[in-house]
Amino acid sequence: LPFQPVCREDCPGLCAQCGVHLADNPGHEHNLIDPRWSVLTDLI
């Protein structure tokens, strides 16, 4: 048996942020700012 079975070799998986099935929504993305830079964003 495969150690890490996948439905297909190029399966994109789930969004790490919200859990959306990426195969159903290939353009899905989040505009996340690194928490270390968030203070600068507040200043801007």
All heavy atoms as atom14 arrays in JSON, in Angstrom:
{
  "sequence": "LPFQPVCREDCPGLCAQCGVHLADNPGHEHNLIDPRWSVLTDLI",
  "atom14_mask": [
    [1, 1, 1, 1, 1, 1, 1, 1, 0, 0, 0, 0, 0, 0],
    [1, 1, 1, 1, 1, 1, 1, 0, 0, 0, 0, 0, 0, 0],
    [1, 1, 1, 1, 1, 1, 1, 1, 1, 1, 1, 0, 0, 0],
    [1, 1, 1, 1, 1, 1, 1, 1, 1, 0, 0, 0, 0, 0],
    [1, 1, 1, 1, 1, 1, 1, 0, 0, 0, 0, 0, 0, 0],
    [1, 1, 1, 1, 1, 1, 1, 0, 0, 0, 0, 0, 0, 0],
    [1, 1, 1, 1, 1, 1, 0, 0, 0, 0, 0, 0, 0, 0],
    [1, 1, 1, 1, 1, 1, 1, 1, 1, 1, 1, 0, 0, 0],
    [1, 1, 1, 1, 1, 1, 1, 1, 1, 0, 0, 0, 0, 0],
    [1, 1, 1, 1, 1, 1, 1, 1, 0, 0, 0, 0, 0, 0],
    [1, 1, 1, 1, 1, 1, 0, 0, 0, 0, 0, 0, 0, 0],
    [1, 1, 1, 1, 1, 1, 1, 0, 0, 0, 0, 0, 0, 0],
    [1, 1, 1, 1, 0, 0, 0, 0, 0, 0, 0, 0, 0, 0],
    [1, 1, 1, 1, 1, 1, 1, 1, 0, 0, 0, 0, 0, 0],
    [1, 1, 1, 1, 1, 1, 0, 0, 0, 0, 0, 0, 0, 0],
    [1, 1, 1, 1, 1, 0, 0, 0, 0, 0, 0, 0, 0, 0],
    [1, 1, 1, 1, 1, 1, 1, 1, 1, 0, 0, 0, 0, 0],
    [1, 1, 1, 1, 1, 1, 0, 0, 0, 0, 0, 0, 0, 0],
    [1, 1, 1, 1, 0, 0, 0, 0, 0, 0, 0, 0, 0, 0],
    [1, 1, 1, 1, 1, 1, 1, 0, 0, 0, 0, 0, 0, 0],
    [1, 1, 1, 1, 1, 1, 1, 1, 1, 1, 0, 0, 0, 0],
    [1, 1, 1, 1, 1, 1, 1, 1, 0, 0, 0, 0, 0, 0],
    [1, 1, 1, 1, 1, 0, 0, 0, 0, 0, 0, 0, 0, 0],
    [1, 1, 1, 1, 1, 1, 1, 1, 0, 0, 0, 0, 0, 0],
    [1, 1, 1, 1, 1, 1, 1, 1, 0, 0, 0, 0, 0, 0],
    [1, 1, 1, 1, 1, 1, 1, 0, 0, 0, 0, 0, 0, 0],
    [1, 1, 1, 1, 0, 0, 0, 0, 0, 0, 0, 0, 0, 0],
    [1, 1, 1, 1, 1, 1, 1, 1, 1, 1, 0, 0, 0, 0],
    [1, 1, 1, 1, 1, 1, 1, 1, 1, 0, 0, 0, 0, 0],
    [1, 1, 1, 1, 1, 1, 1, 1, 1, 1, 0, 0, 0, 0],
    [1, 1, 1, 1, 1, 1, 1, 1, 0, 0, 0, 0, 0, 0],
    [1, 1, 1, 1, 1, 1, 1, 1, 0, 0, 0, 0, 0, 0],
    [1, 1, 1, 1, 1, 1, 1, 1, 0, 0, 0, 0, 0, 0],
    [1, 1, 1, 1, 1, 1, 1, 1, 0, 0, 0, 0, 0, 0],
    [1, 1, 1, 1, 1, 1, 1, 0, 0, 0, 0, 0, 0, 0],
    [1, 1, 1, 1, 1, 1, 1, 1, 1, 1, 1, 0, 0, 0],
    [1, 1, 1, 1, 1, 1, 1, 1, 1, 1, 1, 1, 1, 1],
    [1, 1, 1, 1, 1, 1, 0, 0, 0, 0, 0, 0, 0, 0],
    [1, 1, 1, 1, 1, 1, 1, 0, 0, 0, 0, 0, 0, 0],
    [1, 1, 1, 1, 1, 1, 1, 1, 0, 0, 0, 0, 0, 0],
    [1, 1, 1, 1, 1, 1, 1, 0, 0, 0, 0, 0, 0, 0],
    [1, 1, 1, 1, 1, 1, 1, 1, 0, 0, 0, 0, 0, 0],
    [1, 1, 1, 1, 1, 1, 1, 1, 0, 0, 0, 0, 0, 0],
    [1, 1, 1, 1, 1, 1, 1, 1, 0, 0, 0, 0, 0, 0]
  ],
  "atom14_positions": [
    [[0.83, -1.21, 0.0], [0.0, 0.0, 0.0], [0.86, 1.26, 0.0], [1.94, 1.27, 0.61], [-0.92, 0.01, 1.22], [-2.05, -1.01, 1.19], [-2.78, -1.02, 2.53], [-3.02, -0.71, 0.07], [0.0, 0.0, 0.0], [0.0, 0.0, 0.0], [0.0, 0.0, 0.0], [0.0, 0.0, 0.0], [0.0, 0.0, 0.0], [0.0, 0.0, 0.0]],
    [[0.39, 2.31, -0.66], [1.17, 3.56, -0.65], [1.24, 4.14, 0.75], [0.25, 4.12, 1.5], [0.4, 4.47, -1.61], [-0.96, 3.9, -1.69], [-0.84, 2.43, -1.42], [0.0, 0.0, 0.0], [0.0, 0.0, 0.0], [0.0, 0.0, 0.0], [0.0, 0.0, 0.0], [0.0, 0.0, 0.0], [0.0, 0.0, 0.0], [0.0, 0.0, 0.0]],
    [[2.4, 4.68, 1.1], [2.6, 5.28, 2.42], [1.76, 6.55, 2.57], [1.18, 6.8, 3.61], [4.08, 5.58, 2.65], [4.38, 6.17, 3.99], [4.19, 5.44, 5.14], [4.86, 7.46, 4.1], [4.46, 5.97, 6.39], [5.13, 8.02, 5.33], [4.93, 7.27, 6.48], [0.0, 0.0, 0.0], [0.0, 0.0, 0.0], [0.0, 0.0, 0.0]],
    [[1.71, 7.35, 1.52], [0.9, 8.56, 1.49], [0.05, 8.54, 0.22], [0.43, 9.09, -0.81], [1.78, 9.81, 1.53], [2.52, 9.95, 2.83], [3.26, 11.27, 2.92], [3.63, 11.85, 1.92], [3.45, 11.73, 4.13], [0.0, 0.0, 0.0], [0.0, 0.0, 0.0], [0.0, 0.0, 0.0], [0.0, 0.0, 0.0], [0.0, 0.0, 0.0]],
    [[-1.12, 7.89, 0.29], [-1.95, 7.75, -0.91], [-2.55, 9.08, -1.36], [-2.93, 9.91, -0.53], [-3.04, 6.78, -0.47], [-3.12, 6.93, 1.01], [-1.73, 7.27, 1.46], [0.0, 0.0, 0.0], [0.0, 0.0, 0.0], [0.0, 0.0, 0.0], [0.0, 0.0, 0.0], [0.0, 0.0, 0.0], [0.0, 0.0, 0.0], [0.0, 0.0, 0.0]],
    [[-2.59, 9.28, -2.66], [-3.19, 10.49, -3.23], [-4.2, 10.08, -4.3], [-4.07, 9.04, -4.94], [-2.14, 11.45, -3.83], [-1.28, 12.06, -2.73], [-1.27, 10.76, -4.85], [0.0, 0.0, 0.0], [0.0, 0.0, 0.0], [0.0, 0.0, 0.0], [0.0, 0.0, 0.0], [0.0, 0.0, 0.0], [0.0, 0.0, 0.0], [0.0, 0.0, 0.0]],
    [[-5.22, 10.94, -4.49], [-6.24, 10.65, -5.49], [-5.69, 10.77, -6.9], [-6.12, 10.08, -7.81], [-7.45, 11.55, -5.29], [-7.09, 13.31, -5.36], [0.0, 0.0, 0.0], [0.0, 0.0, 0.0], [0.0, 0.0, 0.0], [0.0, 0.0, 0.0], [0.0, 0.0, 0.0], [0.0, 0.0, 0.0], [0.0, 0.0, 0.0], [0.0, 0.0, 0.0]],
    [[-4.73, 11.65, -7.09], [-4.0, 11.79, -8.36], [-2.67, 12.46, -8.03], [-2.54, 13.16, -7.01], [-4.81, 12.58, -9.38], [-5.12, 14.0, -8.98], [-5.92, 14.71, -10.06], [-5.66, 16.11, -10.02], [-6.56, 17.03, -9.7], [-7.78, 16.67, -9.38], [-6.24, 18.3, -9.69], [0.0, 0.0, 0.0], [0.0, 0.0, 0.0], [0.0, 0.0, 0.0]],
    [[-1.69, 12.24, -8.88], [-0.34, 12.74, -8.6], [-0.27, 14.26, -8.45], [0.51, 14.78, -7.67], [0.64, 12.28, -9.68], [0.97, 10.81, -9.62], [1.57, 10.38, -8.3], [2.45, 11.08, -7.76], [1.13, 9.34, -7.78], [0.0, 0.0, 0.0], [0.0, 0.0, 0.0], [0.0, 0.0, 0.0], [0.0, 0.0, 0.0], [0.0, 0.0, 0.0]],
    [[-1.08, 15.0, -9.22], [-1.03, 16.46, -9.16], [-2.12, 17.05, -8.28], [-2.51, 18.2, -8.45], [-1.1, 17.05, -10.57], [-2.41, 16.75, -11.26], [-3.1, 15.8, -10.83], [-2.75, 17.44, -12.23], [0.0, 0.0, 0.0], [0.0, 0.0, 0.0], [0.0, 0.0, 0.0], [0.0, 0.0, 0.0], [0.0, 0.0, 0.0], [0.0, 0.0, 0.0]],
    [[-2.6, 16.29, -7.3], [-3.65, 16.78, -6.4], [-3.14, 18.01, -5.65], [-2.12, 17.94, -4.96], [-4.05, 15.69, -5.41], [-5.25, 16.26, -4.18], [0.0, 0.0, 0.0], [0.0, 0.0, 0.0], [0.0, 0.0, 0.0], [0.0, 0.0, 0.0], [0.0, 0.0, 0.0], [0.0, 0.0, 0.0], [0.0, 0.0, 0.0], [0.0, 0.0, 0.0]],
    [[-3.84, 19.15, -5.75], [-3.38, 20.36, -5.07], [-3.7, 20.38, -3.58], [-3.15, 21.19, -2.84], [-4.11, 21.49, -5.81], [-5.35, 20.85, -6.33], [-4.98, 19.42, -6.62], [0.0, 0.0, 0.0], [0.0, 0.0, 0.0], [0.0, 0.0, 0.0], [0.0, 0.0, 0.0], [0.0, 0.0, 0.0], [0.0, 0.0, 0.0], [0.0, 0.0, 0.0]],
    [[-4.6, 19.53, -3.13], [-4.92, 19.45, -1.71], [-5.93, 20.48, -1.26], [-6.8, 20.89, -2.01], [0.0, 0.0, 0.0], [0.0, 0.0, 0.0], [0.0, 0.0, 0.0], [0.0, 0.0, 0.0], [0.0, 0.0, 0.0], [0.0, 0.0, 0.0], [0.0, 0.0, 0.0], [0.0, 0.0, 0.0], [0.0, 0.0, 0.0], [0.0, 0.0, 0.0]],
    [[-5.81, 20.88, -0.01], [-6.7, 21.85, 0.62], [-5.94, 23.12, 0.94], [-4.74, 23.09, 1.19], [-7.3, 21.27, 1.91], [-8.08, 19.97, 1.8], [-8.46, 19.46, 3.18], [-9.3, 20.14, 0.93], [0.0, 0.0, 0.0], [0.0, 0.0, 0.0], [0.0, 0.0, 0.0], [0.0, 0.0, 0.0], [0.0, 0.0, 0.0], [0.0, 0.0, 0.0]],
    [[-6.65, 24.24, 0.97], [-6.03, 25.51, 1.36], [-5.64, 25.42, 2.84], [-6.45, 25.04, 3.68], [-7.02, 26.67, 1.15], [-6.39, 28.25, 1.77], [0.0, 0.0, 0.0], [0.0, 0.0, 0.0], [0.0, 0.0, 0.0], [0.0, 0.0, 0.0], [0.0, 0.0, 0.0], [0.0, 0.0, 0.0], [0.0, 0.0, 0.0], [0.0, 0.0, 0.0]],
    [[-4.41, 25.77, 3.13], [-3.92, 25.7, 4.51], [-4.59, 26.73, 5.41], [-4.62, 26.57, 6.63], [-2.41, 25.9, 4.52], [0.0, 0.0, 0.0], [0.0, 0.0, 0.0], [0.0, 0.0, 0.0], [0.0, 0.0, 0.0], [0.0, 0.0, 0.0], [0.0, 0.0, 0.0], [0.0, 0.0, 0.0], [0.0, 0.0, 0.0], [0.0, 0.0, 0.0]],
    [[-5.13, 27.8, 4.83], [-5.75, 28.86, 5.63], [-7.22, 28.57, 5.95], [-7.66, 28.77, 7.06], [-5.65, 30.2, 4.9], [-4.24, 30.64, 4.63], [-3.44, 30.79, 5.91], [-3.91, 31.37, 6.88], [-2.24, 30.25, 5.93], [0.0, 0.0, 0.0], [0.0, 0.0, 0.0], [0.0, 0.0, 0.0], [0.0, 0.0, 0.0], [0.0, 0.0, 0.0]],
    [[-7.98, 28.14, 4.92], [-9.43, 28.02, 5.12], [-9.99, 26.64, 4.81], [-11.16, 26.39, 5.06], [-10.16, 29.07, 4.31], [-9.96, 28.87, 2.52], [0.0, 0.0, 0.0], [0.0, 0.0, 0.0], [0.0, 0.0, 0.0], [0.0, 0.0, 0.0], [0.0, 0.0, 0.0], [0.0, 0.0, 0.0], [0.0, 0.0, 0.0], [0.0, 0.0, 0.0]],
    [[-9.19, 25.73, 4.25], [-9.64, 24.37, 3.98], [-10.41, 24.18, 2.69], [-11.0, 23.13, 2.47], [0.0, 0.0, 0.0], [0.0, 0.0, 0.0], [0.0, 0.0, 0.0], [0.0, 0.0, 0.0], [0.0, 0.0, 0.0], [0.0, 0.0, 0.0], [0.0, 0.0, 0.0], [0.0, 0.0, 0.0], [0.0, 0.0, 0.0], [0.0, 0.0, 0.0]],
    [[-10.4, 25.17, 1.8], [-11.09, 25.04, 0.52], [-10.41, 23.97, -0.32], [-9.18, 23.88, -0.34], [-11.09, 26.4, -0.23], [-11.5, 26.25, -1.68], [-12.01, 27.38, 0.46], [0.0, 0.0, 0.0], [0.0, 0.0, 0.0], [0.0, 0.0, 0.0], [0.0, 0.0, 0.0], [0.0, 0.0, 0.0], [0.0, 0.0, 0.0], [0.0, 0.0, 0.0]],
    [[-11.21, 23.18, -1.01], [-10.71, 22.12, -1.9], [-10.12, 22.81, -3.13], [-10.83, 23.34, -3.97], [-11.88, 21.21, -2.28], [-11.47, 19.91, -2.82], [-11.22, 19.7, -4.14], [-11.27, 18.72, -2.2], [-10.89, 18.45, -4.33], [-10.92, 17.82, -3.17], [0.0, 0.0, 0.0], [0.0, 0.0, 0.0], [0.0, 0.0, 0.0], [0.0, 0.0, 0.0]],
    [[-8.8, 22.84, -3.26], [-8.12, 23.61, -4.31], [-8.36, 23.07, -5.72], [-8.28, 23.83, -6.68], [-6.63, 23.69, -4.02], [-6.26, 24.48, -2.76], [-4.76, 24.41, -2.5], [-6.72, 25.92, -2.86], [0.0, 0.0, 0.0], [0.0, 0.0, 0.0], [0.0, 0.0, 0.0], [0.0, 0.0, 0.0], [0.0, 0.0, 0.0], [0.0, 0.0, 0.0]],
    [[-8.7, 21.82, -5.87], [-9.0, 21.29, -7.21], [-10.29, 21.9, -7.75], [-10.44, 22.1, -8.95], [-9.12, 19.77, -7.16], [0.0, 0.0, 0.0], [0.0, 0.0, 0.0], [0.0, 0.0, 0.0], [0.0, 0.0, 0.0], [0.0, 0.0, 0.0], [0.0, 0.0, 0.0], [0.0, 0.0, 0.0], [0.0, 0.0, 0.0], [0.0, 0.0, 0.0]],
    [[-11.22, 22.22, -6.85], [-12.49, 22.84, -7.26], [-12.36, 24.34, -7.47], [-13.18, 24.95, -8.14], [-13.57, 22.58, -6.2], [-13.89, 21.11, -6.05], [-13.61, 20.35, -6.99], [-14.41, 20.72, -4.99], [0.0, 0.0, 0.0], [0.0, 0.0, 0.0], [0.0, 0.0, 0.0], [0.0, 0.0, 0.0], [0.0, 0.0, 0.0], [0.0, 0.0, 0.0]],
    [[-11.36, 24.95, -6.87], [-11.18, 26.41, -6.93], [-9.7, 26.71, -7.17], [-8.99, 27.14, -6.25], [-11.68, 27.03, -5.62], [-11.78, 28.52, -5.69], [-11.39, 29.15, -6.68], [-12.29, 29.11, -4.63], [0.0, 0.0, 0.0], [0.0, 0.0, 0.0], [0.0, 0.0, 0.0], [0.0, 0.0, 0.0], [0.0, 0.0, 0.0], [0.0, 0.0, 0.0]],
    [[-9.18, 26.5, -8.39], [-7.74, 26.63, -8.64], [-7.18, 28.04, -8.45], [-6.0, 28.2, -8.18], [-7.57, 26.16, -10.09], [-8.92, 26.17, -10.69], [-9.92, 26.1, -9.59], [0.0, 0.0, 0.0], [0.0, 0.0, 0.0], [0.0, 0.0, 0.0], [0.0, 0.0, 0.0], [0.0, 0.0, 0.0], [0.0, 0.0, 0.0], [0.0, 0.0, 0.0]],
    [[-7.99, 29.07, -8.57], [-7.48, 30.44, -8.41], [-7.56, 30.94, -6.98], [-7.26, 32.1, -6.7], [0.0, 0.0, 0.0], [0.0, 0.0, 0.0], [0.0, 0.0, 0.0], [0.0, 0.0, 0.0], [0.0, 0.0, 0.0], [0.0, 0.0, 0.0], [0.0, 0.0, 0.0], [0.0, 0.0, 0.0], [0.0, 0.0, 0.0], [0.0, 0.0, 0.0]],
    [[-7.91, 30.08, -6.06], [-8.1, 30.49, -4.66], [-6.76, 30.93, -4.04], [-5.74, 30.28, -4.19], [-8.66, 29.3, -3.86], [-8.85, 29.59, -2.42], [-9.9, 30.31, -1.95], [-8.1, 29.25, -1.34], [-9.81, 30.39, -0.63], [-8.72, 29.75, -0.25], [0.0, 0.0, 0.0], [0.0, 0.0, 0.0], [0.0, 0.0, 0.0], [0.0, 0.0, 0.0]],
    [[-6.8, 32.09, -3.37], [-5.6, 32.57, -2.66], [-6.01, 33.53, -1.56], [-7.13, 34.04, -1.53], [-4.63, 33.24, -3.63], [-5.15, 34.49, -4.29], [-4.12, 35.11, -5.21], [-3.56, 34.39, -6.06], [-3.9, 36.31, -5.07], [0.0, 0.0, 0.0], [0.0, 0.0, 0.0], [0.0, 0.0, 0.0], [0.0, 0.0, 0.0], [0.0, 0.0, 0.0]],
    [[-5.11, 33.78, -0.67], [-5.29, 34.73, 0.43], [-4.16, 35.75, 0.37], [-3.01, 35.38, 0.09], [-5.24, 34.02, 1.79], [-6.36, 33.07, 2.02], [-7.56, 33.46, 2.54], [-6.47, 31.74, 1.79], [-8.35, 32.41, 2.63], [-7.71, 31.34, 2.18], [0.0, 0.0, 0.0], [0.0, 0.0, 0.0], [0.0, 0.0, 0.0], [0.0, 0.0, 0.0]],
    [[-4.46, 37.01, 0.63], [-3.42, 38.04, 0.72], [-3.01, 38.14, 2.18], [-3.57, 38.92, 2.94], [-3.93, 39.39, 0.2], [-4.16, 39.36, -1.29], [-3.46, 38.65, -1.99], [-5.13, 40.12, -1.76], [0.0, 0.0, 0.0], [0.0, 0.0, 0.0], [0.0, 0.0, 0.0], [0.0, 0.0, 0.0], [0.0, 0.0, 0.0], [0.0, 0.0, 0.0]],
    [[-2.07, 37.34, 2.53], [-1.61, 37.31, 3.92], [-0.34, 38.12, 4.07], [0.54, 38.12, 3.2], [-1.34, 35.88, 4.36], [-2.56, 34.96, 4.39], [-2.11, 33.56, 4.77], [-3.58, 35.47, 5.38], [0.0, 0.0, 0.0], [0.0, 0.0, 0.0], [0.0, 0.0, 0.0], [0.0, 0.0, 0.0], [0.0, 0.0, 0.0], [0.0, 0.0, 0.0]],
    [[-0.26, 38.8, 5.17], [0.94, 39.57, 5.49], [1.65, 38.87, 6.63], [1.02, 38.46, 7.61], [0.55, 41.01, 5.91], [-0.13, 41.69, 4.73], [1.76, 41.78, 6.38], [-0.7, 43.05, 5.05], [0.0, 0.0, 0.0], [0.0, 0.0, 0.0], [0.0, 0.0, 0.0], [0.0, 0.0, 0.0], [0.0, 0.0, 0.0], [0.0, 0.0, 0.0]],
    [[2.93, 38.73, 6.47], [3.74, 38.1, 7.5], [3.52, 38.88, 8.8], [3.64, 40.1, 8.84], [5.21, 38.15, 7.08], [6.12, 37.36, 7.99], [5.81, 37.26, 9.19], [7.14, 36.86, 7.51], [0.0, 0.0, 0.0], [0.0, 0.0, 0.0], [0.0, 0.0, 0.0], [0.0, 0.0, 0.0], [0.0, 0.0, 0.0], [0.0, 0.0, 0.0]],
    [[3.2, 38.19, 9.9], [2.93, 38.89, 11.17], [4.09, 39.77, 11.64], [3.87, 40.77, 12.33], [2.68, 37.77, 12.17], [2.68, 36.49, 11.44], [3.06, 36.76, 10.03], [0.0, 0.0, 0.0], [0.0, 0.0, 0.0], [0.0, 0.0, 0.0], [0.0, 0.0, 0.0], [0.0, 0.0, 0.0], [0.0, 0.0, 0.0], [0.0, 0.0, 0.0]],
    [[5.29, 39.47, 11.2], [6.43, 40.3, 11.61], [6.39, 41.66, 10.94], [6.98, 42.62, 11.43], [7.74, 39.58, 11.25], [7.91, 38.27, 12.02], [9.07, 37.5, 11.52], [8.76, 36.99, 10.17], [9.54, 36.2, 9.48], [10.69, 35.81, 9.97], [9.19, 35.78, 8.29], [0.0, 0.0, 0.0], [0.0, 0.0, 0.0], [0.0, 0.0, 0.0]],
    [[5.68, 41.76, 9.79], [5.59, 43.02, 9.06], [4.26, 43.74, 9.3], [4.04, 44.84, 8.78], [5.75, 42.78, 7.56], [7.11, 42.24, 7.21], [7.43, 40.96, 6.97], [8.31, 42.98, 7.09], [8.77, 40.83, 6.69], [9.34, 42.08, 6.76], [8.65, 44.34, 7.24], [10.66, 42.47, 6.56], [9.97, 44.72, 7.03], [10.95, 43.79, 6.71]],
    [[3.37, 43.14, 10.06], [2.04, 43.72, 10.23], [2.08, 45.11, 10.9], [1.25, 45.96, 10.62], [1.15, 42.78, 11.02], [1.65, 42.58, 12.31], [0.0, 0.0, 0.0], [0.0, 0.0, 0.0], [0.0, 0.0, 0.0], [0.0, 0.0, 0.0], [0.0, 0.0, 0.0], [0.0, 0.0, 0.0], [0.0, 0.0, 0.0], [0.0, 0.0, 0.0]],
    [[3.05, 45.35, 11.75], [3.17, 46.66, 12.39], [3.45, 47.74, 11.34], [2.88, 48.83, 11.39], [4.3, 46.64, 13.46], [4.55, 48.02, 14.02], [3.95, 45.67, 14.57], [0.0, 0.0, 0.0], [0.0, 0.0, 0.0], [0.0, 0.0, 0.0], [0.0, 0.0, 0.0], [0.0, 0.0, 0.0], [0.0, 0.0, 0.0], [0.0, 0.0, 0.0]],
    [[4.28, 47.43, 10.35], [4.56, 48.39, 9.28], [3.31, 48.65, 8.46], [3.08, 49.79, 8.02], [5.69, 47.89, 8.39], [7.07, 47.78, 9.06], [8.07, 47.19, 8.1], [7.53, 49.14, 9.54], [0.0, 0.0, 0.0], [0.0, 0.0, 0.0], [0.0, 0.0, 0.0], [0.0, 0.0, 0.0], [0.0, 0.0, 0.0], [0.0, 0.0, 0.0]],
    [[2.5, 47.64, 8.24], [1.25, 47.81, 7.51], [0.34, 48.78, 8.26], [-0.3, 49.65, 7.66], [0.54, 46.46, 7.31], [1.43, 45.56, 6.68], [-0.71, 46.6, 6.49], [0.0, 0.0, 0.0], [0.0, 0.0, 0.0], [0.0, 0.0, 0.0], [0.0, 0.0, 0.0], [0.0, 0.0, 0.0], [0.0, 0.0, 0.0], [0.0, 0.0, 0.0]],
    [[0.31, 48.64, 9.57], [-0.5, 49.55, 10.39], [0.02, 50.98, 10.27], [-0.76, 51.93, 10.19], [-0.49, 49.12, 11.86], [-1.24, 47.82, 12.09], [-2.04, 47.43, 11.19], [-1.02, 47.18, 13.13], [0.0, 0.0, 0.0], [0.0, 0.0, 0.0], [0.0, 0.0, 0.0], [0.0, 0.0, 0.0], [0.0, 0.0, 0.0], [0.0, 0.0, 0.0]],
    [[1.35, 51.15, 10.24], [1.92, 52.49, 10.1], [1.57, 53.1, 8.74], [1.26, 54.28, 8.63], [3.45, 52.45, 10.27], [3.96, 52.22, 11.69], [5.47, 52.05, 11.68], [3.56, 53.37, 12.58], [0.0, 0.0, 0.0], [0.0, 0.0, 0.0], [0.0, 0.0, 0.0], [0.0, 0.0, 0.0], [0.0, 0.0, 0.0], [0.0, 0.0, 0.0]],
    [[1.65, 52.29, 7.69], [1.31, 52.79, 6.35], [-0.14, 53.21, 6.29], [-0.47, 54.28, 5.77], [1.63, 51.72, 5.29], [3.13, 51.51, 5.18], [1.03, 52.08, 3.94], [3.53, 50.34, 4.32], [0.0, 0.0, 0.0], [0.0, 0.0, 0.0], [0.0, 0.0, 0.0], [0.0, 0.0, 0.0], [0.0, 0.0, 0.0], [0.0, 0.0, 0.0]]
  ]
}
